[in-house]
Amino acid sequence: MITVYGIKTCGSVRNALKFFKDNNIDVEFFDFKKETLTQEKIASWIKKSDINILFNNKGTKYKNLGLKELNLDDQGKFEWLCKEPMLFKRPVIEFKNTLVVAWDEEVYKNTFL
């Protein structure tokens, strides 16, 4: 099963969901605004993908929280991801034992089709 993590108002998440729908691929959707990730889940993602890929340091939430001034190390980024899921680069897609992070149509075609 493929699980898409994100928020429905995110353009990249909408693109990903449309891609799966257009290609008749069933997915589960995990809404960061309605459900909470466990620290264990986040730690498992970091083992599968670099924390700097998962951590969105260009988004509005990052800027609004003033995190740039904190010069976060990997542990600091992990702690913030556990507190604030809007800091994840979206979407995060779990597929088999891998993660696909962000929207990239070519990557999706090569991975899921």
PDB file of N, CA and C in Angstrom:
ATOM      1  N   MET A   1       0.835  -1.186   0.000  1.00  0.00           N
ATOM      2  CA  MET A   1       0.000   0.000   0.000  1.00  0.00           C
ATOM      3  C   MET A   1       0.879   1.248   0.000  1.00  0.00           C
ATOM      4  N   ILE A   2       0.438   2.247  -0.708  1.00  0.00           N
ATOM      5  CA  ILE A   2       1.118   3.537  -0.777  1.00  0.00           C
ATOM      6  C   ILE A   2       0.387   4.491   0.160  1.00  0.00           C
ATOM      7  N   THR A   3       1.146   5.174   1.015  1.00  0.00           N
ATOM      8  CA  THR A   3       0.563   6.174   1.902  1.00  0.00           C
ATOM      9  C   THR A   3       1.163   7.527   1.563  1.00  0.00           C
ATOM     10  N   VAL A   4       0.281   8.490   1.340  1.00  0.00           N
ATOM     11  CA  VAL A   4       0.673   9.860   1.046  1.00  0.00           C
ATOM     12  C   VAL A   4       0.434  10.685   2.306  1.00  0.00           C
ATOM     13  N   TYR A   5       1.482  11.348   2.782  1.00  0.00           N
ATOM     14  CA  TYR A   5       1.406  12.190   3.967  1.00  0.00           C
ATOM     15  C   TYR A   5       1.488  13.646   3.535  1.00  0.00           C
ATOM     16  N   GLY A   6       0.599  14.462   4.071  1.00  0.00           N
ATOM     17  CA  GLY A   6       0.637  15.878   3.744  1.00  0.00           C
ATOM     18  C   GLY A   6      -0.621  16.583   4.193  1.00  0.00           C
ATOM     19  N   ILE A   7      -0.914  17.689   3.529  1.00  0.00           N
ATOM     20  CA  ILE A   7      -2.150  18.419   3.773  1.00  0.00           C
ATOM     21  C   ILE A   7      -2.830  18.662   2.427  1.00  0.00           C
ATOM     22  N   LYS A   8      -4.153  18.645   2.429  1.00  0.00           N
ATOM     23  CA  LYS A   8      -4.890  18.726   1.165  1.00  0.00           C
ATOM     24  C   LYS A   8      -4.779  20.081   0.488  1.00  0.00           C
ATOM     25  N   THR A   9      -4.417  21.117   1.231  1.00  0.00           N
ATOM     26  CA  THR A   9      -4.331  22.445   0.633  1.00  0.00           C
ATOM     27  C   THR A   9      -2.977  22.713  -0.028  1.00  0.00           C
ATOM     28  N   CYS A  10      -2.041  21.796   0.109  1.00  0.00           N
ATOM     29  CA  CYS A  10      -0.703  21.947  -0.471  1.00  0.00           C
ATOM     30  C   CYS A  10      -0.747  21.585  -1.958  1.00  0.00           C
ATOM     31  N   GLY A  11      -0.232  22.466  -2.798  1.00  0.00           N
ATOM     32  CA  GLY A  11      -0.226  22.217  -4.241  1.00  0.00           C
ATOM     33  C   GLY A  11       0.533  20.962  -4.627  1.00  0.00           C
ATOM     34  N   SER A  12       1.662  20.710  -3.990  1.00  0.00           N
ATOM     35  CA  SER A  12       2.457  19.517  -4.304  1.00  0.00           C
ATOM     36  C   SER A  12       1.710  18.247  -3.917  1.00  0.00           C
ATOM     37  N   VAL A  13       1.011  18.289  -2.802  1.00  0.00           N
ATOM     38  CA  VAL A  13       0.221  17.131  -2.372  1.00  0.00           C
ATOM     39  C   VAL A  13      -0.930  16.911  -3.350  1.00  0.00           C
ATOM     40  N   ARG A  14      -1.580  17.988  -3.752  1.00  0.00           N
ATOM     41  CA  ARG A  14      -2.677  17.860  -4.736  1.00  0.00           C
ATOM     42  C   ARG A  14      -2.168  17.261  -6.035  1.00  0.00           C
ATOM     43  N   ASN A  15      -0.985  17.695  -6.493  1.00  0.00           N
ATOM     44  CA  ASN A  15      -0.397  17.136  -7.718  1.00  0.00           C
ATOM     45  C   ASN A  15      -0.150  15.636  -7.559  1.00  0.00           C
ATOM     46  N   ALA A  16       0.395  15.247  -6.412  1.00  0.00           N
ATOM     47  CA  ALA A  16       0.679  13.830  -6.176  1.00  0.00           C
ATOM     48  C   ALA A  16      -0.614  13.013  -6.164  1.00  0.00           C
ATOM     49  N   LEU A  17      -1.619  13.496  -5.439  1.00  0.00           N
ATOM     50  CA  LEU A  17      -2.892  12.765  -5.367  1.00  0.00           C
ATOM     51  C   LEU A  17      -3.543  12.657  -6.741  1.00  0.00           C
ATOM     52  N   LYS A  18      -3.447  13.723  -7.531  1.00  0.00           N
ATOM     53  CA  LYS A  18      -3.995  13.690  -8.898  1.00  0.00           C
ATOM     54  C   LYS A  18      -3.238  12.668  -9.745  1.00  0.00           C
ATOM     55  N   PHE A  19      -1.919  12.631  -9.616  1.00  0.00           N
ATOM     56  CA  PHE A  19      -1.115  11.651 -10.348  1.00  0.00           C
ATOM     57  C   PHE A  19      -1.598  10.234 -10.043  1.00  0.00           C
ATOM     58  N   PHE A  20      -1.770   9.916  -8.757  1.00  0.00           N
ATOM     59  CA  PHE A  20      -2.209   8.573  -8.387  1.00  0.00           C
ATOM     60  C   PHE A  20      -3.615   8.290  -8.906  1.00  0.00           C
ATOM     61  N   LYS A  21      -4.502   9.261  -8.785  1.00  0.00           N
ATOM     62  CA  LYS A  21      -5.875   9.076  -9.270  1.00  0.00           C
ATOM     63  C   LYS A  21      -5.890   8.868 -10.781  1.00  0.00           C
ATOM     64  N   ASP A  22      -5.151   9.712 -11.520  1.00  0.00           N
ATOM     65  CA  ASP A  22      -5.112   9.619 -12.983  1.00  0.00           C
ATOM     66  C   ASP A  22      -4.542   8.288 -13.459  1.00  0.00           C
ATOM     67  N   ASN A  23      -3.691   7.663 -12.628  1.00  0.00           N
ATOM     68  CA  ASN A  23      -3.074   6.391 -12.996  1.00  0.00           C
ATOM     69  C   ASN A  23      -3.722   5.198 -12.287  1.00  0.00           C
ATOM     70  N   ASN A  24      -4.909   5.424 -11.726  1.00  0.00           N
ATOM     71  CA  ASN A  24      -5.685   4.364 -11.058  1.00  0.00           C
ATOM     72  C   ASN A  24      -4.871   3.613 -10.012  1.00  0.00           C
ATOM     73  N   ILE A  25      -4.130   4.365  -9.202  1.00  0.00           N
ATOM     74  CA  ILE A  25      -3.333   3.781  -8.125  1.00  0.00           C
ATOM     75  C   ILE A  25      -3.986   4.166  -6.807  1.00  0.00           C
ATOM     76  N   ASP A  26      -4.385   3.159  -6.045  1.00  0.00           N
ATOM     77  CA  ASP A  26      -5.006   3.420  -4.747  1.00  0.00           C
ATOM     78  C   ASP A  26      -3.956   3.829  -3.729  1.00  0.00           C
ATOM     79  N   VAL A  27      -4.279   4.869  -2.966  1.00  0.00           N
ATOM     80  CA  VAL A  27      -3.393   5.337  -1.904  1.00  0.00           C
ATOM     81  C   VAL A  27      -4.213   5.625  -0.655  1.00  0.00           C
ATOM     82  N   GLU A  28      -3.526   5.568   0.468  1.00  0.00           N
ATOM     83  CA  GLU A  28      -4.102   6.061   1.717  1.00  0.00           C
ATOM     84  C   GLU A  28      -3.555   7.465   1.913  1.00  0.00           C
ATOM     85  N   PHE A  29      -4.383   8.341   2.489  1.00  0.00           N
ATOM     86  CA  PHE A  29      -3.934   9.708   2.742  1.00  0.00           C
ATOM     87  C   PHE A  29      -3.884   9.959   4.240  1.00  0.00           C
ATOM     88  N   PHE A  30      -2.751  10.462   4.702  1.00  0.00           N
ATOM     89  CA  PHE A  30      -2.542  10.813   6.107  1.00  0.00           C
ATOM     90  C   PHE A  30      -2.446  12.328   6.165  1.00  0.00           C
ATOM     91  N   ASP A  31      -3.428  12.956   6.809  1.00  0.00           N
ATOM     92  CA  ASP A  31      -3.507  14.414   6.878  1.00  0.00           C
ATOM     93  C   ASP A  31      -2.778  14.918   8.121  1.00  0.00           C
ATOM     94  N   PHE A  32      -1.699  15.663   7.895  1.00  0.00           N
ATOM     95  CA  PHE A  32      -0.918  16.199   9.012  1.00  0.00           C
ATOM     96  C   PHE A  32      -1.746  17.087   9.934  1.00  0.00           C
ATOM     97  N   LYS A  33      -2.822  17.667   9.405  1.00  0.00           N
ATOM     98  CA  LYS A  33      -3.644  18.553  10.228  1.00  0.00           C
ATOM     99  C   LYS A  33      -4.618  17.785  11.113  1.00  0.00           C
ATOM    100  N   LYS A  34      -4.888  16.534  10.760  1.00  0.00           N
ATOM    101  CA  LYS A  34      -5.887  15.761  11.502  1.00  0.00           C
ATOM    102  C   LYS A  34      -5.297  14.611  12.308  1.00  0.00           C
ATOM    103  N   GLU A  35      -4.109  14.165  11.927  1.00  0.00           N
ATOM    104  CA  GLU A  35      -3.494  13.021  12.583  1.00  0.00           C
ATOM    105  C   GLU A  35      -2.079  13.386  13.029  1.00  0.00           C
ATOM    106  N   THR A  36      -1.574  12.656  14.016  1.00  0.00           N
ATOM    107  CA  THR A  36      -0.253  12.941  14.576  1.00  0.00           C
ATOM    108  C   THR A  36       0.716  11.806  14.265  1.00  0.00           C
ATOM    109  N   LEU A  37       1.886  12.171  13.787  1.00  0.00           N
ATOM    110  CA  LEU A  37       2.949  11.186  13.565  1.00  0.00           C
ATOM    111  C   LEU A  37       3.617  10.860  14.892  1.00  0.00           C
ATOM    112  N   THR A  38       4.066   9.624  15.029  1.00  0.00           N
ATOM    113  CA  THR A  38       4.832   9.255  16.224  1.00  0.00           C
ATOM    114  C   THR A  38       6.302   9.599  16.003  1.00  0.00           C
ATOM    115  N   GLN A  39       7.012   9.756  17.100  1.00  0.00           N
ATOM    116  CA  GLN A  39       8.461   9.988  16.996  1.00  0.00           C
ATOM    117  C   GLN A  39       9.125   8.798  16.321  1.00  0.00           C
ATOM    118  N   GLU A  40       8.619   7.605  16.583  1.00  0.00           N
ATOM    119  CA  GLU A  40       9.183   6.392  15.971  1.00  0.00           C
ATOM    120  C   GLU A  40       9.034   6.427  14.449  1.00  0.00           C
ATOM    121  N   LYS A  41       7.890   6.890  13.972  1.00  0.00           N
ATOM    122  CA  LYS A  41       7.658   6.978  12.523  1.00  0.00           C
ATOM    123  C   LYS A  41       8.636   7.976  11.908  1.00  0.00           C
ATOM    124  N   ILE A  42       8.781   9.131  12.544  1.00  0.00           N
ATOM    125  CA  ILE A  42       9.687  10.154  12.028  1.00  0.00           C
ATOM    126  C   ILE A  42      11.126   9.641  12.028  1.00  0.00           C
ATOM    127  N   ALA A  43      11.529   8.963  13.098  1.00  0.00           N
ATOM    128  CA  ALA A  43      12.884   8.392  13.171  1.00  0.00           C
ATOM    129  C   ALA A  43      13.094   7.362  12.061  1.00  0.00           C
ATOM    130  N   SER A  44      12.064   6.560  11.772  1.00  0.00           N
ATOM    131  CA  SER A  44      12.198   5.561  10.700  1.00  0.00           C
ATOM    132  C   SER A  44      12.335   6.244   9.345  1.00  0.00           C
ATOM    133  N   TRP A  45      11.653   7.353   9.150  1.00  0.00           N
ATOM    134  CA  TRP A  45      11.795   8.097   7.899  1.00  0.00           C
ATOM    135  C   TRP A  45      13.203   8.645   7.739  1.00  0.00           C
ATOM    136  N   ILE A  46      13.773   9.131   8.832  1.00  0.00           N
ATOM    137  CA  ILE A  46      15.118   9.710   8.766  1.00  0.00           C
ATOM    138  C   ILE A  46      16.146   8.637   8.407  1.00  0.00           C
ATOM    139  N   LYS A  47      15.876   7.394   8.792  1.00  0.00           N
ATOM    140  CA  LYS A  47      16.774   6.296   8.407  1.00  0.00           C
ATOM    141  C   LYS A  47      16.667   5.992   6.916  1.00  0.00           C
ATOM    142  N   LYS A  48      15.501   6.275   6.325  1.00  0.00           N
ATOM    143  CA  LYS A  48      15.267   5.983   4.908  1.00  0.00           C
ATOM    144  C   LYS A  48      15.610   7.163   4.000  1.00  0.00           C
ATOM    145  N   SER A  49      15.648   8.357   4.566  1.00  0.00           N
ATOM    146  CA  SER A  49      15.887   9.566   3.781  1.00  0.00           C
ATOM    147  C   SER A  49      16.658  10.554   4.648  1.00  0.00           C
ATOM    148  N   ASP A  50      17.401  11.402   4.050  1.00  0.00           N
ATOM    149  CA  ASP A  50      18.170  12.414   4.783  1.00  0.00           C
ATOM    150  C   ASP A  50      17.220  13.405   5.453  1.00  0.00           C
ATOM    151  N   ILE A  51      17.509  13.776   6.687  1.00  0.00           N
ATOM    152  CA  ILE A  51      16.654  14.729   7.395  1.00  0.00           C
ATOM    153  C   ILE A  51      16.584  16.059   6.658  1.00  0.00           C
ATOM    154  N   ASN A  52      17.643  16.417   5.937  1.00  0.00           N
ATOM    155  CA  ASN A  52      17.646  17.682   5.202  1.00  0.00           C
ATOM    156  C   ASN A  52      16.740  17.645   3.977  1.00  0.00           C
ATOM    157  N   ILE A  53      16.399  16.450   3.522  1.00  0.00           N
ATOM    158  CA  ILE A  53      15.411  16.313   2.452  1.00  0.00           C
ATOM    159  C   ILE A  53      14.012  16.419   3.049  1.00  0.00           C
ATOM    160  N   LEU A  54      13.805  15.821   4.202  1.00  0.00           N
ATOM    161  CA  LEU A  54      12.493  15.845   4.852  1.00  0.00           C
ATOM    162  C   LEU A  54      12.138  17.210   5.441  1.00  0.00           C
ATOM    163  N   PHE A  55      13.120  17.926   5.931  1.00  0.00           N
ATOM    164  CA  PHE A  55      12.900  19.175   6.652  1.00  0.00           C
ATOM    165  C   PHE A  55      12.809  20.336   5.659  1.00  0.00           C
ATOM    166  N   ASN A  56      11.661  21.003   5.647  1.00  0.00           N
ATOM    167  CA  ASN A  56      11.437  22.095   4.707  1.00  0.00           C
ATOM    168  C   ASN A  56      11.899  23.420   5.311  1.00  0.00           C
ATOM    169  N   ASN A  57      13.075  23.851   4.902  1.00  0.00           N
ATOM    170  CA  ASN A  57      13.593  25.108   5.435  1.00  0.00           C
ATOM    171  C   ASN A  57      13.308  26.286   4.507  1.00  0.00           C
ATOM    172  N   LYS A  58      12.372  26.101   3.594  1.00  0.00           N
ATOM    173  CA  LYS A  58      11.988  27.188   2.699  1.00  0.00           C
ATOM    174  C   LYS A  58      10.525  27.588   2.876  1.00  0.00           C
ATOM    175  N   GLY A  59       9.808  26.870   3.690  1.00  0.00           N
ATOM    176  CA  GLY A  59       8.372  27.097   3.824  1.00  0.00           C
ATOM    177  C   GLY A  59       7.996  28.212   4.780  1.00  0.00           C
ATOM    178  N   THR A  60       6.726  28.566   4.717  1.00  0.00           N
ATOM    179  CA  THR A  60       6.172  29.621   5.554  1.00  0.00           C
ATOM    180  C   THR A  60       6.300  29.307   7.035  1.00  0.00           C
ATOM    181  N   LYS A  61       6.010  28.073   7.420  1.00  0.00           N
ATOM    182  CA  LYS A  61       6.059  27.698   8.834  1.00  0.00           C
ATOM    183  C   LYS A  61       7.483  27.891   9.377  1.00  0.00           C
ATOM    184  N   TYR A  62       8.479  27.479   8.623  1.00  0.00           N
ATOM    185  CA  TYR A  62       9.886  27.638   9.017  1.00  0.00           C
ATOM    186  C   TYR A  62      10.207  29.118   9.261  1.00  0.00           C
ATOM    187  N   LYS A  63       9.766  29.947   8.341  1.00  0.00           N
ATOM    188  CA  LYS A  63      10.036  31.382   8.459  1.00  0.00           C
ATOM    189  C   LYS A  63       9.271  31.989   9.626  1.00  0.00           C
ATOM    190  N   ASN A  64       7.990  31.636   9.763  1.00  0.00           N
ATOM    191  CA  ASN A  64       7.169  32.202  10.839  1.00  0.00           C
ATOM    192  C   ASN A  64       7.675  31.817  12.223  1.00  0.00           C
ATOM    193  N   LEU A  65       8.256  30.636  12.348  1.00  0.00           N
ATOM    194  CA  LEU A  65       8.780  30.189  13.634  1.00  0.00           C
ATOM    195  C   LEU A  65      10.174  30.759  13.934  1.00  0.00           C
ATOM    196  N   GLY A  66      10.772  31.431  12.947  1.00  0.00           N
ATOM    197  CA  GLY A  66      12.097  32.021  13.142  1.00  0.00           C
ATOM    198  C   GLY A  66      13.185  30.984  13.346  1.00  0.00           C
ATOM    199  N   LEU A  67      13.060  29.840  12.671  1.00  0.00           N
ATOM    200  CA  LEU A  67      14.001  28.746  12.906  1.00  0.00           C
ATOM    201  C   LEU A  67      15.369  28.968  12.260  1.00  0.00           C
ATOM    202  N   LYS A  68      15.440  29.833  11.254  1.00  0.00           N
ATOM    203  CA  LYS A  68      16.721  30.069  10.597  1.00  0.00           C
ATOM    204  C   LYS A  68      17.764  30.573  11.608  1.00  0.00           C
ATOM    205  N   GLU A  69      17.322  31.432  12.509  1.00  0.00           N
ATOM    206  CA  GLU A  69      18.237  32.016  13.492  1.00  0.00           C
ATOM    207  C   GLU A  69      18.771  30.971  14.480  1.00  0.00           C
ATOM    208  N   LEU A  70      18.082  29.844  14.611  1.00  0.00           N
ATOM    209  CA  LEU A  70      18.492  28.826  15.579  1.00  0.00           C
ATOM    210  C   LEU A  70      19.624  27.935  15.079  1.00  0.00           C
ATOM    211  N   ASN A  71      19.921  27.988  13.760  1.00  0.00           N
ATOM    212  CA  ASN A  71      20.970  27.126  13.201  1.00  0.00           C
ATOM    213  C   ASN A  71      20.826  25.690  13.687  1.00  0.00           C
ATOM    214  N   LEU A  72      19.692  25.086  13.399  1.00  0.00           N
ATOM    215  CA  LEU A  72      19.376  23.749  13.911  1.00  0.00           C
ATOM    216  C   LEU A  72      20.321  22.684  13.383  1.00  0.00           C
ATOM    217  N   ASP A  73      20.771  21.809  14.278  1.00  0.00           N
ATOM    218  CA  ASP A  73      21.493  20.616  13.850  1.00  0.00           C
ATOM    219  C   ASP A  73      20.452  19.526  13.583  1.00  0.00           C
ATOM    220  N   ASP A  74      20.901  18.330  13.212  1.00  0.00           N
ATOM    221  CA  ASP A  74      19.964  17.254  12.874  1.00  0.00           C
ATOM    222  C   ASP A  74      19.036  16.915  14.031  1.00  0.00           C
ATOM    223  N   GLN A  75      19.551  16.906  15.256  1.00  0.00           N
ATOM    224  CA  GLN A  75      18.715  16.610  16.418  1.00  0.00           C
ATOM    225  C   GLN A  75      17.650  17.696  16.602  1.00  0.00           C
ATOM    226  N   GLY A  76      18.044  18.934  16.417  1.00  0.00           N
ATOM    227  CA  GLY A  76      17.094  20.041  16.524  1.00  0.00           C
ATOM    228  C   GLY A  76      16.007  19.951  15.462  1.00  0.00           C
ATOM    229  N   LYS A  77      16.391  19.600  14.256  1.00  0.00           N
ATOM    230  CA  LYS A  77      15.408  19.436  13.172  1.00  0.00           C
ATOM    231  C   LYS A  77      14.443  18.299  13.509  1.00  0.00           C
ATOM    232  N   PHE A  78      14.975  17.196  14.020  1.00  0.00           N
ATOM    233  CA  PHE A  78      14.140  16.068  14.420  1.00  0.00           C
ATOM    234  C   PHE A  78      13.120  16.509  15.478  1.00  0.00           C
ATOM    235  N   GLU A  79      13.586  17.229  16.477  1.00  0.00           N
ATOM    236  CA  GLU A  79      12.688  17.677  17.550  1.00  0.00           C
ATOM    237  C   GLU A  79      11.594  18.595  17.008  1.00  0.00           C
ATOM    238  N   TRP A  80      11.950  19.480  16.086  1.00  0.00           N
ATOM    239  CA  TRP A  80      10.945  20.360  15.507  1.00  0.00           C
ATOM    240  C   TRP A  80       9.967  19.586  14.625  1.00  0.00           C
ATOM    241  N   LEU A  81      10.440  18.603  13.875  1.00  0.00           N
ATOM    242  CA  LEU A  81       9.531  17.800  13.060  1.00  0.00           C
ATOM    243  C   LEU A  81       8.536  17.045  13.934  1.00  0.00           C
ATOM    244  N   CYS A  82       8.976  16.614  15.101  1.00  0.00           N
ATOM    245  CA  CYS A  82       8.078  15.916  16.023  1.00  0.00           C
ATOM    246  C   CYS A  82       7.005  16.858  16.574  1.00  0.00           C
ATOM    247  N   LYS A  83       7.347  18.120  16.739  1.00  0.00           N
ATOM    248  CA  LYS A  83       6.403  19.108  17.289  1.00  0.00           C
ATOM    249  C   LYS A  83       5.515  19.735  16.220  1.00  0.00           C
ATOM    250  N   GLU A  84       6.058  19.890  15.031  1.00  0.00           N
ATOM    251  CA  GLU A  84       5.375  20.674  14.006  1.00  0.00           C
ATOM    252  C   GLU A  84       5.463  20.000  12.637  1.00  0.00           C
ATOM    253  N   PRO A  85       4.465  19.164  12.301  1.00  0.00           N
ATOM    254  CA  PRO A  85       4.511  18.430  11.030  1.00  0.00           C
ATOM    255  C   PRO A  85       4.445  19.323   9.786  1.00  0.00           C
ATOM    256  N   MET A  86       4.055  20.578   9.938  1.00  0.00           N
ATOM    257  CA  MET A  86       4.041  21.474   8.783  1.00  0.00           C
ATOM    258  C   MET A  86       5.460  21.796   8.313  1.00  0.00           C
ATOM    259  N   LEU A  87       6.472  21.362   9.066  1.00  0.00           N
ATOM    260  CA  LEU A  87       7.862  21.573   8.655  1.00  0.00           C
ATOM    261  C   LEU A  87       8.367  20.481   7.707  1.00  0.00           C
ATOM    262  N   PHE A  88       7.547  19.455   7.465  1.00  0.00           N
ATOM    263  CA  PHE A  88       7.944  18.427   6.494  1.00  0.00           C
ATOM    264  C   PHE A  88       7.793  18.971   5.084  1.00  0.00           C
ATOM    265  N   LYS A  89       8.748  18.645   4.237  1.00  0.00           N
ATOM    266  CA  LYS A  89       8.596  18.891   2.814  1.00  0.00           C
ATOM    267  C   LYS A  89       7.510  17.926   2.352  1.00  0.00           C
ATOM    268  N   ARG A  90       6.582  18.413   1.556  1.00  0.00           N
ATOM    269  CA  ARG A  90       5.429  17.589   1.203  1.00  0.00           C
ATOM    270  C   ARG A  90       5.343  17.356  -0.299  1.00  0.00           C
ATOM    271  N   PRO A  91       4.700  16.244  -0.640  1.00  0.00           N
ATOM    272  CA  PRO A  91       4.257  15.160   0.224  1.00  0.00           C
ATOM    273  C   PRO A  91       5.404  14.223   0.596  1.00  0.00           C
ATOM    274  N   VAL A  92       5.163  13.456   1.639  1.00  0.00           N
ATOM    275  CA  VAL A  92       6.033  12.333   1.981  1.00  0.00           C
ATOM    276  C   VAL A  92       5.241  11.089   1.609  1.00  0.00           C
ATOM    277  N   ILE A  93       5.831  10.237   0.804  1.00  0.00           N
ATOM    278  CA  ILE A  93       5.127   9.046   0.332  1.00  0.00           C
ATOM    279  C   ILE A  93       5.887   7.813   0.765  1.00  0.00           C
ATOM    280  N   GLU A  94       5.187   6.949   1.496  1.00  0.00           N
ATOM    281  CA  GLU A  94       5.744   5.654   1.901  1.00  0.00           C
ATOM    282  C   GLU A  94       5.296   4.622   0.881  1.00  0.00           C
ATOM    283  N   PHE A  95       6.263   3.917   0.351  1.00  0.00           N
ATOM    284  CA  PHE A  95       5.988   2.906  -0.666  1.00  0.00           C
ATOM    285  C   PHE A  95       6.982   1.771  -0.475  1.00  0.00           C
ATOM    286  N   LYS A  96       6.449   0.604  -0.162  1.00  0.00           N
ATOM    287  CA  LYS A  96       7.273  -0.543   0.182  1.00  0.00           C
ATOM    288  C   LYS A  96       8.190  -0.136   1.321  1.00  0.00           C
ATOM    289  N   ASN A  97       9.484  -0.207   1.141  1.00  0.00           N
ATOM    290  CA  ASN A  97      10.390   0.176   2.232  1.00  0.00           C
ATOM    291  C   ASN A  97      11.154   1.458   1.898  1.00  0.00           C
ATOM    292  N   THR A  98      10.536   2.298   1.051  1.00  0.00           N
ATOM    293  CA  THR A  98      11.213   3.520   0.636  1.00  0.00           C
ATOM    294  C   THR A  98      10.329   4.737   0.879  1.00  0.00           C
ATOM    295  N   LEU A  99      10.952   5.895   0.813  1.00  0.00           N
ATOM    296  CA  LEU A  99      10.244   7.171   0.898  1.00  0.00           C
ATOM    297  C   LEU A  99      10.510   7.956  -0.371  1.00  0.00           C
ATOM    298  N   VAL A 100       9.473   8.615  -0.834  1.00  0.00           N
ATOM    299  CA  VAL A 100       9.601   9.586  -1.908  1.00  0.00           C
ATOM    300  C   VAL A 100       9.139  10.901  -1.303  1.00  0.00           C
ATOM    301  N   VAL A 101       9.989  11.917  -1.385  1.00  0.00           N
ATOM    302  CA  VAL A 101       9.689  13.200  -0.751  1.00  0.00           C
ATOM    303  C   VAL A 101       9.575  14.278  -1.820  1.00  0.00           C
ATOM    304  N   ALA A 102       8.505  15.059  -1.743  1.00  0.00           N
ATOM    305  CA  ALA A 102       8.213  16.187  -2.629  1.00  0.00           C
ATOM    306  C   ALA A 102       7.562  15.705  -3.926  1.00  0.00           C
ATOM    307  N   TRP A 103       7.172  16.644  -4.739  1.00  0.00           N
ATOM    308  CA  TRP A 103       6.500  16.342  -5.996  1.00  0.00           C
ATOM    309  C   TRP A 103       7.501  16.444  -7.136  1.00  0.00           C
ATOM    310  N   ASP A 104       7.639  15.342  -7.874  1.00  0.00           N
ATOM    311  CA  ASP A 104       8.474  15.312  -9.068  1.00  0.00           C
ATOM    312  C   ASP A 104       7.862  14.263  -9.989  1.00  0.00           C
ATOM    313  N   GLU A 105       7.174  14.729 -11.019  1.00  0.00           N
ATOM    314  CA  GLU A 105       6.413  13.824 -11.880  1.00  0.00           C
ATOM    315  C   GLU A 105       7.287  12.717 -12.484  1.00  0.00           C
ATOM    316  N   GLU A 106       8.485  13.036 -12.889  1.00  0.00           N
ATOM    317  CA  GLU A 106       9.355  12.015 -13.500  1.00  0.00           C
ATOM    318  C   GLU A 106       9.717  10.926 -12.476  1.00  0.00           C
ATOM    319  N   VAL A 107      10.047  11.342 -11.261  1.00  0.00           N
ATOM    320  CA  VAL A 107      10.348  10.371 -10.209  1.00  0.00           C
ATOM    321  C   VAL A 107       9.130   9.490  -9.957  1.00  0.00           C
ATOM    322  N   TYR A 108       7.950  10.107  -9.930  1.00  0.00           N
ATOM    323  CA  TYR A 108       6.721   9.337  -9.681  1.00  0.00           C
ATOM    324  C   TYR A 108       6.498   8.316 -10.802  1.00  0.00           C
ATOM    325  N   LYS A 109       6.681   8.751 -12.057  1.00  0.00           N
ATOM    326  CA  LYS A 109       6.502   7.824 -13.178  1.00  0.00           C
ATOM    327  C   LYS A 109       7.462   6.648 -13.072  1.00  0.00           C
ATOM    328  N   ASN A 110       8.723   6.929 -12.751  1.00  0.00           N
ATOM    329  CA  ASN A 110       9.725   5.864 -12.668  1.00  0.00           C
ATOM    330  C   ASN A 110       9.504   4.967 -11.460  1.00  0.00           C
ATOM    331  N   THR A 111       8.916   5.494 -10.401  1.00  0.00           N
ATOM    332  CA  THR A 111       8.749   4.725  -9.164  1.00  0.00           C
ATOM    333  C   THR A 111       7.446   3.948  -9.128  1.00  0.00           C
ATOM    334  N   PHE A 112       6.364   4.570  -9.573  1.00  0.00           N
ATOM    335  CA  PHE A 112       5.038   4.007  -9.352  1.00  0.00           C
ATOM    336  C   PHE A 112       4.370   3.402 -10.580  1.00  0.00           C
ATOM    337  N   LEU A 113       4.905   3.662 -11.773  1.00  0.00           N
ATOM    338  CA  LEU A 113       4.256   3.120 -12.991  1.00  0.00           C
ATOM    339  C   LEU A 113       5.018   1.938 -13.554  1.00  0.00           C
TER     340      LEU A 113
END
